[in-house]
Amino acid sequence: MTTKKLRTGGEVDAWCTKCRLDLTHRIIAMVGDVVKKVECKTCMSHHLYRQPKSERESRAAARAAGASARSSEPRATSSSPRAGGAERLTAAQRAERDQTLAWERAIAGQPSGAFKPYRITHTFGEGELIHHSKFGDGVVAKVIDRGKIEILFKDGPRTMAHGQP
């Protein structure tokens, strides 16, 4: 496989921070042979170079494969068992996973007729199933006060108004 030498003014695939996609970018700054700044050819935004997501994922998969190969080798001494890759989650990842599980448990097996359409004028109680036109199906996690509720949607909780005249 041959690779083209990168140069200022040339093109490179990169993660666009504005479009949130892997797209073709124009190189606008380099330090030595390292790309530093790029311009998205789609949205024309300038930002620091970030590897395409596909490259980051393949590199992470290779690292994980290497780690699993090393973990299958016998260890001479082991004072404590190490957590496997599946258990090594950050607090934010655990919280997101728990929220998704709570959302799935709340709406699992519910017919579409069980979901009330969200309207700012309606008043909702804890545990009620809601269908929002933008965010989809959700469940009222808690009533904050007379005018606010927290609804748990698949992509996370949102504070929304209710009972407004």
N, C-alpha and C. Protein backbone atom coordinates (compact mmCIF):
# COMPACT_ATOMS: atom_id res chain seq x y z
N MET A 1 0.85 -1.18 0.00
CA MET A 1 0.00 0.00 0.00
C MET A 1 0.89 1.24 0.00
N THR A 2 0.65 2.14 -0.93
CA THR A 2 1.44 3.37 -0.98
C THR A 2 0.63 4.50 -0.38
N THR A 3 1.33 5.35 0.32
CA THR A 3 0.66 6.50 0.90
C THR A 3 1.26 7.76 0.30
N LYS A 4 0.42 8.71 0.03
CA LYS A 4 0.83 9.98 -0.53
C LYS A 4 1.42 10.84 0.57
N LYS A 5 2.50 11.54 0.28
CA LYS A 5 3.12 12.42 1.27
C LYS A 5 2.18 13.60 1.52
N LEU A 6 1.91 13.84 2.80
CA LEU A 6 1.03 14.94 3.17
C LEU A 6 1.78 16.26 3.04
N ARG A 7 1.06 17.29 2.57
CA ARG A 7 1.67 18.61 2.45
C ARG A 7 0.59 19.67 2.65
N THR A 8 1.01 20.86 3.02
CA THR A 8 0.08 21.96 3.20
C THR A 8 -0.62 22.24 1.88
N GLY A 9 -1.93 22.40 1.92
CA GLY A 9 -2.72 22.59 0.71
C GLY A 9 -3.27 21.29 0.16
N GLY A 10 -2.73 20.17 0.62
CA GLY A 10 -3.20 18.87 0.18
C GLY A 10 -4.47 18.48 0.92
N GLU A 11 -4.95 17.29 0.64
CA GLU A 11 -6.19 16.82 1.26
C GLU A 11 -5.91 15.61 2.14
N VAL A 12 -6.74 15.50 3.19
CA VAL A 12 -6.63 14.39 4.12
C VAL A 12 -8.03 14.13 4.69
N ASP A 13 -8.30 12.87 4.99
CA ASP A 13 -9.55 12.55 5.68
C ASP A 13 -9.35 12.86 7.16
N ALA A 14 -10.36 13.50 7.76
CA ALA A 14 -10.28 13.86 9.17
C ALA A 14 -11.68 13.91 9.75
N TRP A 15 -11.75 13.89 11.08
CA TRP A 15 -13.01 14.02 11.81
C TRP A 15 -13.34 15.50 11.87
N CYS A 16 -14.49 15.88 11.31
CA CYS A 16 -14.92 17.28 11.36
C CYS A 16 -15.66 17.50 12.67
N THR A 17 -15.17 18.46 13.46
CA THR A 17 -15.78 18.72 14.76
C THR A 17 -17.12 19.42 14.64
N LYS A 18 -17.37 20.07 13.51
CA LYS A 18 -18.65 20.76 13.32
C LYS A 18 -19.68 19.82 12.70
N CYS A 19 -19.30 19.13 11.63
CA CYS A 19 -20.22 18.21 10.95
C CYS A 19 -20.38 16.90 11.72
N ARG A 20 -19.42 16.58 12.57
CA ARG A 20 -19.38 15.33 13.33
C ARG A 20 -19.39 14.10 12.41
N LEU A 21 -18.55 14.19 11.37
CA LEU A 21 -18.41 13.11 10.40
C LEU A 21 -16.96 13.03 9.94
N ASP A 22 -16.56 11.87 9.40
CA ASP A 22 -15.28 11.75 8.72
C ASP A 22 -15.46 12.34 7.33
N LEU A 23 -14.73 13.41 7.03
CA LEU A 23 -14.87 14.09 5.74
C LEU A 23 -13.50 14.47 5.20
N THR A 24 -13.46 14.87 3.94
CA THR A 24 -12.24 15.35 3.32
C THR A 24 -11.96 16.77 3.79
N HIS A 25 -10.72 17.00 4.20
CA HIS A 25 -10.29 18.30 4.69
C HIS A 25 -9.07 18.77 3.90
N ARG A 26 -8.87 20.07 3.83
CA ARG A 26 -7.68 20.67 3.24
C ARG A 26 -6.72 20.95 4.39
N ILE A 27 -5.46 20.59 4.21
CA ILE A 27 -4.45 20.82 5.24
C ILE A 27 -4.04 22.29 5.18
N ILE A 28 -4.15 22.99 6.33
CA ILE A 28 -3.77 24.40 6.33
C ILE A 28 -2.57 24.69 7.23
N ALA A 29 -2.16 23.74 8.07
CA ALA A 29 -0.96 23.94 8.89
C ALA A 29 -0.35 22.59 9.26
N MET A 30 0.99 22.55 9.16
CA MET A 30 1.72 21.35 9.53
C MET A 30 2.94 21.74 10.34
N VAL A 31 3.37 20.84 11.22
CA VAL A 31 4.63 21.00 11.93
C VAL A 31 5.45 19.77 11.56
N GLY A 32 6.46 19.98 10.74
CA GLY A 32 7.23 18.85 10.22
C GLY A 32 6.34 18.03 9.31
N ASP A 33 6.23 16.75 9.58
CA ASP A 33 5.37 15.87 8.78
C ASP A 33 4.03 15.62 9.46
N VAL A 34 3.71 16.37 10.52
CA VAL A 34 2.49 16.15 11.29
C VAL A 34 1.46 17.23 10.95
N VAL A 35 0.26 16.78 10.57
CA VAL A 35 -0.84 17.71 10.26
C VAL A 35 -1.35 18.31 11.57
N LYS A 36 -1.48 19.64 11.62
CA LYS A 36 -1.95 20.31 12.84
C LYS A 36 -3.32 20.93 12.66
N LYS A 37 -3.55 21.66 11.55
CA LYS A 37 -4.83 22.33 11.35
C LYS A 37 -5.37 22.01 9.97
N VAL A 38 -6.71 21.88 9.91
CA VAL A 38 -7.36 21.55 8.65
C VAL A 38 -8.60 22.40 8.44
N GLU A 39 -9.06 22.41 7.19
CA GLU A 39 -10.30 23.11 6.84
C GLU A 39 -11.23 22.10 6.19
N CYS A 40 -12.43 21.97 6.73
CA CYS A 40 -13.41 21.03 6.19
C CYS A 40 -13.87 21.53 4.83
N LYS A 41 -13.86 20.66 3.83
CA LYS A 41 -14.29 21.06 2.49
C LYS A 41 -15.81 21.07 2.36
N THR A 42 -16.51 20.57 3.38
CA THR A 42 -17.97 20.58 3.35
C THR A 42 -18.53 21.83 4.01
N CYS A 43 -18.11 22.09 5.26
CA CYS A 43 -18.68 23.23 6.00
C CYS A 43 -17.72 24.42 6.08
N MET A 44 -16.51 24.26 5.58
CA MET A 44 -15.49 25.32 5.52
C MET A 44 -14.99 25.76 6.90
N SER A 45 -15.22 24.99 7.95
CA SER A 45 -14.74 25.37 9.27
C SER A 45 -13.27 24.96 9.42
N HIS A 46 -12.53 25.73 10.22
CA HIS A 46 -11.13 25.45 10.51
C HIS A 46 -11.06 24.87 11.91
N HIS A 47 -10.28 23.82 12.09
CA HIS A 47 -10.11 23.22 13.41
C HIS A 47 -8.84 22.40 13.43
N LEU A 48 -8.45 21.98 14.63
CA LEU A 48 -7.29 21.12 14.77
C LEU A 48 -7.56 19.78 14.09
N TYR A 49 -6.52 19.17 13.57
CA TYR A 49 -6.68 17.88 12.91
C TYR A 49 -7.02 16.81 13.93
N ARG A 50 -8.01 16.01 13.60
CA ARG A 50 -8.37 14.84 14.40
C ARG A 50 -8.47 13.66 13.45
N GLN A 51 -7.89 12.55 13.87
CA GLN A 51 -7.93 11.36 13.02
C GLN A 51 -9.37 10.99 12.72
N PRO A 52 -9.62 10.40 11.55
CA PRO A 52 -10.98 9.93 11.26
C PRO A 52 -11.41 8.92 12.31
N LYS A 53 -12.69 8.92 12.62
CA LYS A 53 -13.22 8.03 13.65
C LYS A 53 -12.95 6.57 13.29
N SER A 54 -13.02 6.24 12.02
CA SER A 54 -12.78 4.86 11.59
C SER A 54 -11.35 4.42 11.94
N GLU A 55 -10.36 5.32 11.79
CA GLU A 55 -8.99 4.98 12.16
C GLU A 55 -8.85 4.82 13.66
N ARG A 56 -9.48 5.71 14.43
CA ARG A 56 -9.40 5.63 15.88
C ARG A 56 -10.00 4.32 16.37
N GLU A 57 -11.15 3.93 15.79
CA GLU A 57 -11.82 2.69 16.20
C GLU A 57 -10.98 1.47 15.85
N SER A 58 -10.38 1.45 14.64
CA SER A 58 -9.58 0.29 14.26
C SER A 58 -8.32 0.21 15.12
N ARG A 59 -7.75 1.35 15.48
CA ARG A 59 -6.58 1.36 16.36
C ARG A 59 -6.96 0.87 17.76
N ALA A 60 -8.13 1.29 18.25
CA ALA A 60 -8.59 0.85 19.56
C ALA A 60 -8.88 -0.65 19.56
N ALA A 61 -9.44 -1.15 18.47
CA ALA A 61 -9.71 -2.58 18.36
C ALA A 61 -8.41 -3.38 18.35
N ALA A 62 -7.40 -2.85 17.65
CA ALA A 62 -6.11 -3.52 17.62
C ALA A 62 -5.48 -3.54 19.01
N ARG A 63 -5.61 -2.41 19.75
CA ARG A 63 -5.09 -2.34 21.11
C ARG A 63 -5.80 -3.34 22.00
N ALA A 64 -7.14 -3.45 21.85
CA ALA A 64 -7.91 -4.38 22.66
C ALA A 64 -7.52 -5.82 22.35
N ALA A 65 -7.30 -6.12 21.06
CA ALA A 65 -6.89 -7.46 20.67
C ALA A 65 -5.52 -7.79 21.25
N GLY A 66 -4.63 -6.82 21.23
CA GLY A 66 -3.30 -7.01 21.82
C GLY A 66 -3.39 -7.21 23.32
N ALA A 67 -4.26 -6.47 23.97
CA ALA A 67 -4.43 -6.59 25.42
C ALA A 67 -5.02 -7.95 25.78
N SER A 68 -5.97 -8.44 24.98
CA SER A 68 -6.57 -9.74 25.29
C SER A 68 -5.56 -10.86 25.05
N ALA A 69 -4.69 -10.70 24.06
CA ALA A 69 -3.66 -11.71 23.82
C ALA A 69 -2.67 -11.73 24.98
N ARG A 70 -2.32 -10.52 25.49
CA ARG A 70 -1.41 -10.46 26.63
C ARG A 70 -2.06 -11.00 27.89
N SER A 71 -3.36 -10.77 28.05
CA SER A 71 -4.03 -11.22 29.27
C SER A 71 -4.21 -12.74 29.30
N SER A 72 -4.15 -13.39 28.13
CA SER A 72 -4.28 -14.85 28.11
C SER A 72 -2.97 -15.53 28.48
N GLU A 73 -1.86 -14.77 28.48
CA GLU A 73 -0.58 -15.34 28.89
C GLU A 73 -0.59 -15.52 30.40
N PRO A 74 0.02 -16.59 30.91
CA PRO A 74 0.04 -16.78 32.36
C PRO A 74 0.91 -15.72 33.03
N ARG A 75 0.49 -15.30 34.22
CA ARG A 75 1.22 -14.28 34.95
C ARG A 75 2.01 -14.96 36.06
N ALA A 76 3.21 -14.42 36.31
CA ALA A 76 4.04 -14.98 37.37
C ALA A 76 3.47 -14.64 38.73
N THR A 77 3.15 -13.38 38.95
CA THR A 77 2.56 -12.98 40.22
C THR A 77 1.38 -12.08 39.93
N SER A 78 0.35 -12.27 40.72
CA SER A 78 -0.84 -11.45 40.57
C SER A 78 -1.43 -11.19 41.93
N SER A 79 -1.35 -9.94 42.39
CA SER A 79 -1.86 -9.64 43.72
C SER A 79 -3.35 -9.39 43.72
N SER A 80 -3.89 -8.90 42.61
CA SER A 80 -5.34 -8.66 42.54
C SER A 80 -5.83 -8.92 41.13
N PRO A 81 -7.02 -9.46 41.00
CA PRO A 81 -7.54 -9.72 39.66
C PRO A 81 -7.88 -8.41 38.97
N ARG A 82 -7.49 -8.30 37.72
CA ARG A 82 -7.79 -7.09 36.95
C ARG A 82 -9.15 -7.23 36.31
N ALA A 83 -9.83 -6.11 36.19
CA ALA A 83 -11.15 -6.11 35.55
C ALA A 83 -10.97 -6.31 34.06
N GLY A 84 -11.89 -7.02 33.44
CA GLY A 84 -11.85 -7.22 32.00
C GLY A 84 -12.23 -5.93 31.28
N GLY A 85 -12.01 -5.89 29.98
CA GLY A 85 -12.31 -4.68 29.20
C GLY A 85 -13.75 -4.24 29.31
N ALA A 86 -14.68 -5.20 29.46
CA ALA A 86 -16.09 -4.85 29.53
C ALA A 86 -16.42 -4.15 30.84
N GLU A 87 -15.68 -4.48 31.91
CA GLU A 87 -15.98 -3.87 33.20
C GLU A 87 -15.29 -2.54 33.41
N ARG A 88 -14.30 -2.22 32.59
CA ARG A 88 -13.57 -0.97 32.76
C ARG A 88 -14.30 0.17 32.08
N LEU A 89 -15.24 0.73 32.79
CA LEU A 89 -16.02 1.84 32.25
C LEU A 89 -15.81 3.06 33.12
N THR A 90 -15.82 4.22 32.49
CA THR A 90 -15.73 5.45 33.27
C THR A 90 -17.07 5.68 33.96
N ALA A 91 -17.07 6.58 34.91
CA ALA A 91 -18.30 6.88 35.63
C ALA A 91 -19.36 7.40 34.66
N ALA A 92 -18.96 8.20 33.70
CA ALA A 92 -19.91 8.74 32.72
C ALA A 92 -20.50 7.63 31.86
N GLN A 93 -19.66 6.67 31.46
CA GLN A 93 -20.16 5.56 30.65
C GLN A 93 -21.12 4.69 31.45
N ARG A 94 -20.80 4.45 32.74
CA ARG A 94 -21.70 3.67 33.58
C ARG A 94 -23.03 4.38 33.76
N ALA A 95 -22.98 5.71 33.99
CA ALA A 95 -24.21 6.47 34.18
C ALA A 95 -25.07 6.43 32.91
N GLU A 96 -24.43 6.58 31.75
CA GLU A 96 -25.16 6.53 30.49
C GLU A 96 -25.78 5.15 30.27
N ARG A 97 -25.03 4.10 30.59
CA ARG A 97 -25.54 2.74 30.44
C ARG A 97 -26.73 2.52 31.37
N ASP A 98 -26.61 2.99 32.62
CA ASP A 98 -27.70 2.83 33.58
C ASP A 98 -28.95 3.59 33.14
N GLN A 99 -28.77 4.80 32.58
CA GLN A 99 -29.91 5.57 32.09
C GLN A 99 -30.60 4.85 30.95
N THR A 100 -29.81 4.31 30.03
CA THR A 100 -30.38 3.59 28.89
C THR A 100 -31.14 2.36 29.38
N LEU A 101 -30.58 1.64 30.33
CA LEU A 101 -31.27 0.46 30.87
C LEU A 101 -32.57 0.85 31.57
N ALA A 102 -32.55 1.95 32.33
CA ALA A 102 -33.77 2.42 33.01
C ALA A 102 -34.83 2.79 31.99
N TRP A 103 -34.41 3.46 30.92
CA TRP A 103 -35.35 3.85 29.85
C TRP A 103 -35.93 2.60 29.20
N GLU A 104 -35.09 1.62 28.90
CA GLU A 104 -35.56 0.40 28.24
C GLU A 104 -36.54 -0.36 29.13
N ARG A 105 -36.23 -0.45 30.45
CA ARG A 105 -37.14 -1.14 31.37
C ARG A 105 -38.49 -0.44 31.44
N ALA A 106 -38.48 0.90 31.43
CA ALA A 106 -39.72 1.66 31.59
C ALA A 106 -40.65 1.52 30.38
N ILE A 107 -40.07 1.47 29.18
CA ILE A 107 -40.94 1.43 28.00
C ILE A 107 -41.07 0.04 27.39
N ALA A 108 -40.38 -0.94 27.92
CA ALA A 108 -40.40 -2.29 27.35
C ALA A 108 -41.82 -2.85 27.33
N GLY A 109 -42.24 -3.32 26.16
CA GLY A 109 -43.52 -4.00 26.01
C GLY A 109 -44.73 -3.08 26.07
N GLN A 110 -44.53 -1.78 26.11
CA GLN A 110 -45.66 -0.86 26.18
C GLN A 110 -46.24 -0.63 24.79
N PRO A 111 -47.55 -0.71 24.64
CA PRO A 111 -48.15 -0.44 23.34
C PRO A 111 -48.07 1.06 23.04
N SER A 112 -48.12 1.41 21.77
CA SER A 112 -48.01 2.82 21.40
C SER A 112 -49.13 3.66 22.00
N GLY A 113 -50.26 3.06 22.29
CA GLY A 113 -51.38 3.79 22.89
C GLY A 113 -51.14 4.17 24.35
N ALA A 114 -50.14 3.57 24.98
CA ALA A 114 -49.85 3.88 26.38
C ALA A 114 -49.11 5.21 26.53
N PHE A 115 -48.55 5.72 25.45
CA PHE A 115 -47.78 6.95 25.49
C PHE A 115 -48.67 8.16 25.24
N LYS A 116 -48.65 9.12 26.17
CA LYS A 116 -49.40 10.36 26.01
C LYS A 116 -48.56 11.32 25.18
N PRO A 117 -49.18 12.07 24.28
CA PRO A 117 -48.40 13.06 23.54
C PRO A 117 -47.98 14.20 24.49
N TYR A 118 -46.71 14.63 24.36
CA TYR A 118 -46.23 15.71 25.21
C TYR A 118 -46.81 17.04 24.75
N ARG A 119 -47.38 17.77 25.66
CA ARG A 119 -47.85 19.13 25.43
C ARG A 119 -47.47 19.93 26.66
N ILE A 120 -47.00 21.13 26.48
CA ILE A 120 -46.59 21.98 27.60
C ILE A 120 -47.77 22.30 28.51
N THR A 121 -48.98 22.24 27.96
CA THR A 121 -50.18 22.57 28.74
C THR A 121 -50.66 21.41 29.61
N HIS A 122 -50.24 20.18 29.30
CA HIS A 122 -50.65 19.02 30.09
C HIS A 122 -49.81 18.91 31.36
N THR A 123 -50.39 18.32 32.38
CA THR A 123 -49.68 18.06 33.63
C THR A 123 -49.41 16.56 33.71
N PHE A 124 -48.18 16.20 34.05
CA PHE A 124 -47.76 14.81 34.08
C PHE A 124 -47.30 14.42 35.48
N GLY A 125 -47.39 13.13 35.77
CA GLY A 125 -46.94 12.59 37.05
C GLY A 125 -45.79 11.62 36.85
N GLU A 126 -45.10 11.32 37.90
CA GLU A 126 -43.95 10.42 37.85
C GLU A 126 -44.37 9.05 37.32
N GLY A 127 -43.56 8.51 36.40
CA GLY A 127 -43.81 7.20 35.84
C GLY A 127 -44.69 7.19 34.60
N GLU A 128 -45.27 8.34 34.22
CA GLU A 128 -46.12 8.39 33.03
C GLU A 128 -45.27 8.28 31.77
N LEU A 129 -45.83 7.61 30.77
CA LEU A 129 -45.16 7.44 29.49
C LEU A 129 -45.52 8.59 28.56
N ILE A 130 -44.51 9.17 27.92
CA ILE A 130 -44.67 10.36 27.09
C ILE A 130 -44.14 10.07 25.70
N HIS A 131 -44.80 10.63 24.69
CA HIS A 131 -44.24 10.61 23.33
C HIS A 131 -44.02 12.06 22.92
N HIS A 132 -42.75 12.41 22.68
CA HIS A 132 -42.39 13.76 22.26
C HIS A 132 -42.11 13.72 20.76
N SER A 133 -42.55 14.75 20.05
CA SER A 133 -42.40 14.76 18.59
C SER A 133 -40.94 14.79 18.15
N LYS A 134 -40.05 15.35 18.95
CA LYS A 134 -38.63 15.44 18.58
C LYS A 134 -37.78 14.36 19.26
N PHE A 135 -37.99 14.12 20.55
CA PHE A 135 -37.13 13.24 21.32
C PHE A 135 -37.61 11.80 21.38
N GLY A 136 -38.83 11.54 20.94
CA GLY A 136 -39.34 10.17 20.91
C GLY A 136 -40.04 9.78 22.20
N ASP A 137 -39.98 8.47 22.50
CA ASP A 137 -40.66 7.95 23.68
C ASP A 137 -39.83 8.18 24.93
N GLY A 138 -40.52 8.49 26.03
CA GLY A 138 -39.84 8.71 27.28
C GLY A 138 -40.75 8.41 28.45
N VAL A 139 -40.16 8.49 29.64
CA VAL A 139 -40.90 8.25 30.87
C VAL A 139 -40.56 9.38 31.84
N VAL A 140 -41.57 9.86 32.57
CA VAL A 140 -41.35 10.93 33.54
C VAL A 140 -40.56 10.33 34.70
N ALA A 141 -39.32 10.79 34.88
CA ALA A 141 -38.45 10.29 35.94
C ALA A 141 -38.78 10.94 37.27
N LYS A 142 -39.04 12.26 37.25
CA LYS A 142 -39.42 12.92 38.49
C LYS A 142 -40.10 14.25 38.20
N VAL A 143 -40.94 14.66 39.12
CA VAL A 143 -41.60 15.95 39.04
C VAL A 143 -40.75 16.90 39.87
N ILE A 144 -40.16 17.89 39.21
CA ILE A 144 -39.27 18.82 39.90
C ILE A 144 -40.07 19.83 40.71
N ASP A 145 -41.05 20.45 40.07
CA ASP A 145 -41.98 21.34 40.75
C ASP A 145 -43.25 21.43 39.91
N ARG A 146 -44.13 22.36 40.25
CA ARG A 146 -45.41 22.45 39.53
C ARG A 146 -45.24 22.70 38.04
N GLY A 147 -44.15 23.33 37.65
CA GLY A 147 -43.98 23.69 36.24
C GLY A 147 -42.91 22.93 35.50
N LYS A 148 -42.17 22.02 36.20
CA LYS A 148 -41.07 21.32 35.54
C LYS A 148 -41.08 19.84 35.88
N ILE A 149 -40.71 19.04 34.87
CA ILE A 149 -40.55 17.60 35.06
C ILE A 149 -39.26 17.16 34.38
N GLU A 150 -38.73 16.04 34.83
CA GLU A 150 -37.58 15.45 34.16
C GLU A 150 -38.06 14.20 33.46
N ILE A 151 -37.86 14.17 32.13
CA ILE A 151 -38.29 13.03 31.33
C ILE A 151 -37.05 12.30 30.85
N LEU A 152 -37.02 10.99 31.02
CA LEU A 152 -35.91 10.17 30.58
C LEU A 152 -36.22 9.65 29.18
N PHE A 153 -35.45 10.13 28.21
CA PHE A 153 -35.55 9.67 26.83
C PHE A 153 -34.38 8.72 26.57
N LYS A 154 -34.37 8.07 25.43
CA LYS A 154 -33.31 7.12 25.10
C LYS A 154 -31.95 7.80 25.13
N ASP A 155 -31.86 9.03 24.65
CA ASP A 155 -30.58 9.73 24.61
C ASP A 155 -30.24 10.47 25.89
N GLY A 156 -31.05 10.32 26.93
CA GLY A 156 -30.74 10.92 28.23
C GLY A 156 -31.91 11.71 28.78
N PRO A 157 -31.76 12.18 30.02
CA PRO A 157 -32.85 12.93 30.65
C PRO A 157 -32.92 14.36 30.14
N ARG A 158 -34.12 14.92 30.15
CA ARG A 158 -34.34 16.31 29.77
C ARG A 158 -35.33 16.92 30.74
N THR A 159 -35.04 18.16 31.13
CA THR A 159 -35.97 18.90 31.98
C THR A 159 -36.90 19.67 31.06
N MET A 160 -38.20 19.48 31.27
CA MET A 160 -39.17 20.10 30.39
C MET A 160 -40.29 20.73 31.22
N ALA A 161 -40.95 21.68 30.61
CA ALA A 161 -42.04 22.37 31.28
C ALA A 161 -43.33 21.56 31.13
N HIS A 162 -44.23 21.72 32.11
CA HIS A 162 -45.56 21.10 32.00
C HIS A 162 -46.52 21.94 32.84
N GLY A 163 -47.78 21.77 32.58
CA GLY A 163 -48.82 22.46 33.33
C GLY A 163 -48.83 23.96 33.12
N GLN A 164 -48.37 24.41 31.96
CA GLN A 164 -48.34 25.85 31.66
C GLN A 164 -49.66 26.26 31.01
N PRO A 165 -50.19 27.42 31.38
CA PRO A 165 -51.47 27.86 30.78
C PRO A 165 -51.30 28.29 29.34
